[in-house]
Amino acid sequence: VDVLEQSIQAVSDMITGAFDDEQAYSIGDVVTHEGKLYKYKAAHAAGAWDVTEVDETTVAELIAAAEPDSLTNAQITALLALL
């Protein structure tokens, strides 16, 4: 359970929140926009949403990136059930 709790915390820490056009974002920042998760692949100065600066991502991808040792499918399923 500790690895699941640590992964939940790591993913929560990664998500900056909803996209805000008055905020600048750094490479690697994760935001929500129109109900989807996006990770910045380029720096973003404050301003309008620009889809070319981000890659769509998923909670599973964030979990995999947050956990240095790969989680099993069962662990990912259990983690997603907790969200």
N, C-alpha and C. Protein backbone atom coordinates (compact mmCIF):
# COMPACT_ATOMS: atom_id res chain seq x y z
N VAL A 1 0.83 -1.20 0.00
CA VAL A 1 0.00 0.00 0.00
C VAL A 1 0.87 1.26 0.00
N ASP A 2 2.04 1.21 0.63
CA ASP A 2 2.90 2.38 0.66
C ASP A 2 3.26 2.87 -0.74
N VAL A 3 3.57 1.94 -1.65
CA VAL A 3 3.94 2.35 -3.00
C VAL A 3 2.75 3.01 -3.68
N LEU A 4 1.54 2.56 -3.41
CA LEU A 4 0.36 3.18 -3.99
C LEU A 4 0.16 4.58 -3.43
N GLU A 5 0.30 4.72 -2.12
CA GLU A 5 0.15 6.04 -1.50
C GLU A 5 1.21 7.00 -2.01
N GLN A 6 2.43 6.52 -2.14
CA GLN A 6 3.52 7.35 -2.64
C GLN A 6 3.25 7.76 -4.08
N SER A 7 2.72 6.84 -4.89
CA SER A 7 2.42 7.15 -6.29
C SER A 7 1.30 8.16 -6.39
N ILE A 8 0.26 8.00 -5.57
CA ILE A 8 -0.84 8.96 -5.56
C ILE A 8 -0.31 10.35 -5.22
N GLN A 9 0.52 10.42 -4.19
CA GLN A 9 1.07 11.71 -3.78
C GLN A 9 1.96 12.29 -4.88
N ALA A 10 2.78 11.46 -5.51
CA ALA A 10 3.67 11.94 -6.57
C ALA A 10 2.87 12.48 -7.75
N VAL A 11 1.81 11.77 -8.13
CA VAL A 11 0.98 12.23 -9.25
C VAL A 11 0.26 13.52 -8.86
N SER A 12 -0.29 13.57 -7.66
CA SER A 12 -0.97 14.78 -7.19
C SER A 12 -0.02 15.97 -7.21
N ASP A 13 1.22 15.74 -6.79
CA ASP A 13 2.21 16.81 -6.76
C ASP A 13 2.57 17.29 -8.17
N MET A 14 2.44 16.41 -9.16
CA MET A 14 2.79 16.77 -10.54
C MET A 14 1.76 17.65 -11.22
N ILE A 15 0.49 17.51 -10.83
CA ILE A 15 -0.57 18.23 -11.52
C ILE A 15 -0.69 19.64 -10.95
N THR A 16 -0.41 20.61 -11.80
CA THR A 16 -0.43 22.01 -11.40
C THR A 16 -1.85 22.49 -11.16
N GLY A 17 -2.81 21.97 -11.89
CA GLY A 17 -4.21 22.39 -11.78
C GLY A 17 -4.75 22.67 -13.16
N ALA A 18 -5.85 23.38 -13.19
CA ALA A 18 -6.46 23.74 -14.46
C ALA A 18 -5.62 24.81 -15.15
N PHE A 19 -5.54 24.72 -16.48
CA PHE A 19 -4.80 25.71 -17.26
C PHE A 19 -5.31 27.11 -16.94
N ASP A 20 -4.38 28.03 -16.74
CA ASP A 20 -4.70 29.42 -16.44
C ASP A 20 -3.90 30.29 -17.41
N ASP A 21 -4.59 31.04 -18.26
CA ASP A 21 -3.89 31.83 -19.27
C ASP A 21 -3.10 33.00 -18.69
N GLU A 22 -3.23 33.24 -17.40
CA GLU A 22 -2.45 34.30 -16.74
C GLU A 22 -1.18 33.75 -16.09
N GLN A 23 -0.93 32.47 -16.26
CA GLN A 23 0.22 31.82 -15.62
C GLN A 23 1.19 31.29 -16.68
N ALA A 24 2.47 31.33 -16.34
CA ALA A 24 3.50 30.72 -17.19
C ALA A 24 3.72 29.29 -16.71
N TYR A 25 4.11 28.40 -17.61
CA TYR A 25 4.36 27.01 -17.28
C TYR A 25 5.73 26.59 -17.78
N SER A 26 6.34 25.67 -17.06
CA SER A 26 7.65 25.14 -17.41
C SER A 26 7.51 23.77 -18.06
N ILE A 27 8.55 23.35 -18.76
CA ILE A 27 8.57 22.01 -19.33
C ILE A 27 8.35 21.01 -18.19
N GLY A 28 7.45 20.07 -18.40
CA GLY A 28 7.15 19.05 -17.40
C GLY A 28 5.95 19.35 -16.54
N ASP A 29 5.49 20.60 -16.53
CA ASP A 29 4.28 20.93 -15.77
C ASP A 29 3.09 20.18 -16.37
N VAL A 30 2.19 19.75 -15.51
CA VAL A 30 1.00 19.01 -15.95
C VAL A 30 -0.23 19.83 -15.56
N VAL A 31 -1.11 20.04 -16.53
CA VAL A 31 -2.34 20.80 -16.30
C VAL A 31 -3.53 20.03 -16.85
N THR A 32 -4.69 20.43 -16.38
CA THR A 32 -5.92 19.94 -16.98
C THR A 32 -6.45 21.04 -17.91
N HIS A 33 -7.05 20.61 -19.01
CA HIS A 33 -7.66 21.55 -19.95
C HIS A 33 -8.78 20.82 -20.66
N GLU A 34 -9.97 21.37 -20.54
CA GLU A 34 -11.16 20.77 -21.16
C GLU A 34 -11.31 19.30 -20.81
N GLY A 35 -11.06 18.98 -19.53
CA GLY A 35 -11.28 17.62 -19.03
C GLY A 35 -10.19 16.62 -19.34
N LYS A 36 -9.07 17.07 -19.90
CA LYS A 36 -7.97 16.17 -20.23
C LYS A 36 -6.70 16.63 -19.53
N LEU A 37 -5.75 15.70 -19.38
CA LEU A 37 -4.45 16.00 -18.78
C LEU A 37 -3.44 16.28 -19.88
N TYR A 38 -2.62 17.30 -19.68
CA TYR A 38 -1.57 17.64 -20.63
C TYR A 38 -0.28 17.90 -19.87
N LYS A 39 0.83 17.51 -20.48
CA LYS A 39 2.16 17.75 -19.92
C LYS A 39 2.91 18.67 -20.87
N TYR A 40 3.47 19.75 -20.32
CA TYR A 40 4.20 20.70 -21.15
C TYR A 40 5.51 20.12 -21.67
N LYS A 41 5.71 20.25 -22.97
CA LYS A 41 6.96 19.82 -23.60
C LYS A 41 7.78 21.05 -24.02
N ALA A 42 7.20 22.23 -23.86
CA ALA A 42 7.87 23.49 -24.14
C ALA A 42 7.43 24.50 -23.09
N ALA A 43 8.29 25.45 -22.80
CA ALA A 43 7.92 26.49 -21.84
C ALA A 43 6.77 27.31 -22.43
N HIS A 44 5.89 27.78 -21.54
CA HIS A 44 4.72 28.55 -21.96
C HIS A 44 4.68 29.86 -21.18
N ALA A 45 4.77 30.97 -21.88
CA ALA A 45 4.59 32.28 -21.24
C ALA A 45 3.09 32.47 -21.01
N ALA A 46 2.74 33.30 -20.06
CA ALA A 46 1.32 33.58 -19.82
C ALA A 46 0.66 33.95 -21.15
N GLY A 47 -0.51 33.41 -21.37
CA GLY A 47 -1.23 33.68 -22.62
C GLY A 47 -2.15 32.54 -22.98
N ALA A 48 -2.68 32.59 -24.16
CA ALA A 48 -3.68 31.64 -24.63
C ALA A 48 -3.13 30.21 -24.70
N TRP A 49 -4.02 29.25 -24.59
CA TRP A 49 -3.71 27.83 -24.72
C TRP A 49 -3.08 27.59 -26.09
N ASP A 50 -2.00 26.80 -26.10
CA ASP A 50 -1.33 26.45 -27.36
C ASP A 50 -1.04 24.96 -27.34
N VAL A 51 -1.82 24.21 -28.07
CA VAL A 51 -1.72 22.75 -28.07
C VAL A 51 -0.37 22.25 -28.58
N THR A 52 0.36 23.07 -29.30
CA THR A 52 1.67 22.64 -29.81
C THR A 52 2.72 22.58 -28.70
N GLU A 53 2.43 23.16 -27.54
CA GLU A 53 3.38 23.18 -26.42
C GLU A 53 3.22 22.01 -25.47
N VAL A 54 2.20 21.18 -25.68
CA VAL A 54 1.87 20.12 -24.73
C VAL A 54 1.69 18.77 -25.43
N ASP A 55 1.77 17.72 -24.62
CA ASP A 55 1.39 16.38 -25.05
C ASP A 55 0.28 15.92 -24.12
N GLU A 56 -0.76 15.33 -24.70
CA GLU A 56 -1.81 14.77 -23.86
C GLU A 56 -1.21 13.59 -23.09
N THR A 57 -1.60 13.43 -21.85
CA THR A 57 -1.08 12.34 -21.02
C THR A 57 -2.23 11.70 -20.26
N THR A 58 -1.91 10.68 -19.52
CA THR A 58 -2.92 9.98 -18.71
C THR A 58 -2.39 9.81 -17.29
N VAL A 59 -3.28 9.50 -16.38
CA VAL A 59 -2.88 9.22 -15.01
C VAL A 59 -1.92 8.04 -14.99
N ALA A 60 -2.18 7.02 -15.79
CA ALA A 60 -1.31 5.84 -15.83
C ALA A 60 0.10 6.23 -16.26
N GLU A 61 0.23 7.12 -17.25
CA GLU A 61 1.55 7.57 -17.68
C GLU A 61 2.26 8.37 -16.59
N LEU A 62 1.49 9.18 -15.87
CA LEU A 62 2.08 9.95 -14.77
C LEU A 62 2.54 9.02 -13.65
N ILE A 63 1.75 7.99 -13.37
CA ILE A 63 2.14 7.02 -12.35
C ILE A 63 3.43 6.32 -12.77
N ALA A 64 3.49 5.90 -14.01
CA ALA A 64 4.68 5.21 -14.50
C ALA A 64 5.91 6.11 -14.40
N ALA A 65 5.73 7.40 -14.69
CA ALA A 65 6.85 8.34 -14.63
C ALA A 65 7.24 8.64 -13.19
N ALA A 66 6.29 8.58 -12.27
CA ALA A 66 6.55 8.92 -10.88
C ALA A 66 7.20 7.79 -10.11
N GLU A 67 6.98 6.59 -10.54
CA GLU A 67 7.46 5.41 -9.82
C GLU A 67 8.69 4.86 -10.53
N PRO A 68 9.85 4.90 -9.88
CA PRO A 68 11.06 4.42 -10.55
C PRO A 68 11.03 2.93 -10.90
N ASP A 69 10.38 2.13 -10.07
CA ASP A 69 10.22 0.71 -10.38
C ASP A 69 8.85 0.54 -10.99
N SER A 70 8.78 -0.09 -12.13
CA SER A 70 7.50 -0.24 -12.83
C SER A 70 6.46 -0.88 -11.93
N LEU A 71 5.27 -0.31 -11.98
CA LEU A 71 4.15 -0.90 -11.26
C LEU A 71 3.53 -2.00 -12.12
N THR A 72 2.98 -2.99 -11.47
CA THR A 72 2.29 -4.04 -12.21
C THR A 72 0.92 -3.51 -12.64
N ASN A 73 0.29 -4.19 -13.58
CA ASN A 73 -1.06 -3.79 -14.00
C ASN A 73 -2.02 -3.83 -12.82
N ALA A 74 -1.88 -4.80 -11.94
CA ALA A 74 -2.74 -4.91 -10.77
C ALA A 74 -2.55 -3.70 -9.85
N GLN A 75 -1.30 -3.26 -9.68
CA GLN A 75 -1.06 -2.09 -8.83
C GLN A 75 -1.63 -0.83 -9.45
N ILE A 76 -1.48 -0.69 -10.76
CA ILE A 76 -2.05 0.48 -11.44
C ILE A 76 -3.58 0.46 -11.34
N THR A 77 -4.18 -0.69 -11.53
CA THR A 77 -5.63 -0.82 -11.41
C THR A 77 -6.08 -0.46 -10.01
N ALA A 78 -5.37 -0.94 -9.00
CA ALA A 78 -5.72 -0.62 -7.61
C ALA A 78 -5.55 0.87 -7.34
N LEU A 79 -4.51 1.45 -7.87
CA LEU A 79 -4.27 2.88 -7.68
C LEU A 79 -5.36 3.70 -8.34
N LEU A 80 -5.71 3.37 -9.55
CA LEU A 80 -6.76 4.11 -10.26
C LEU A 80 -8.10 3.99 -9.54
N ALA A 81 -8.35 2.87 -8.91
CA ALA A 81 -9.59 2.67 -8.18
C ALA A 81 -9.67 3.61 -6.97
N LEU A 82 -8.52 4.02 -6.45
CA LEU A 82 -8.48 4.91 -5.30
C LEU A 82 -8.68 6.37 -5.69
N LEU A 83 -8.50 6.70 -6.96
CA LEU A 83 -8.59 8.11 -7.38
C LEU A 83 -10.02 8.56 -7.53
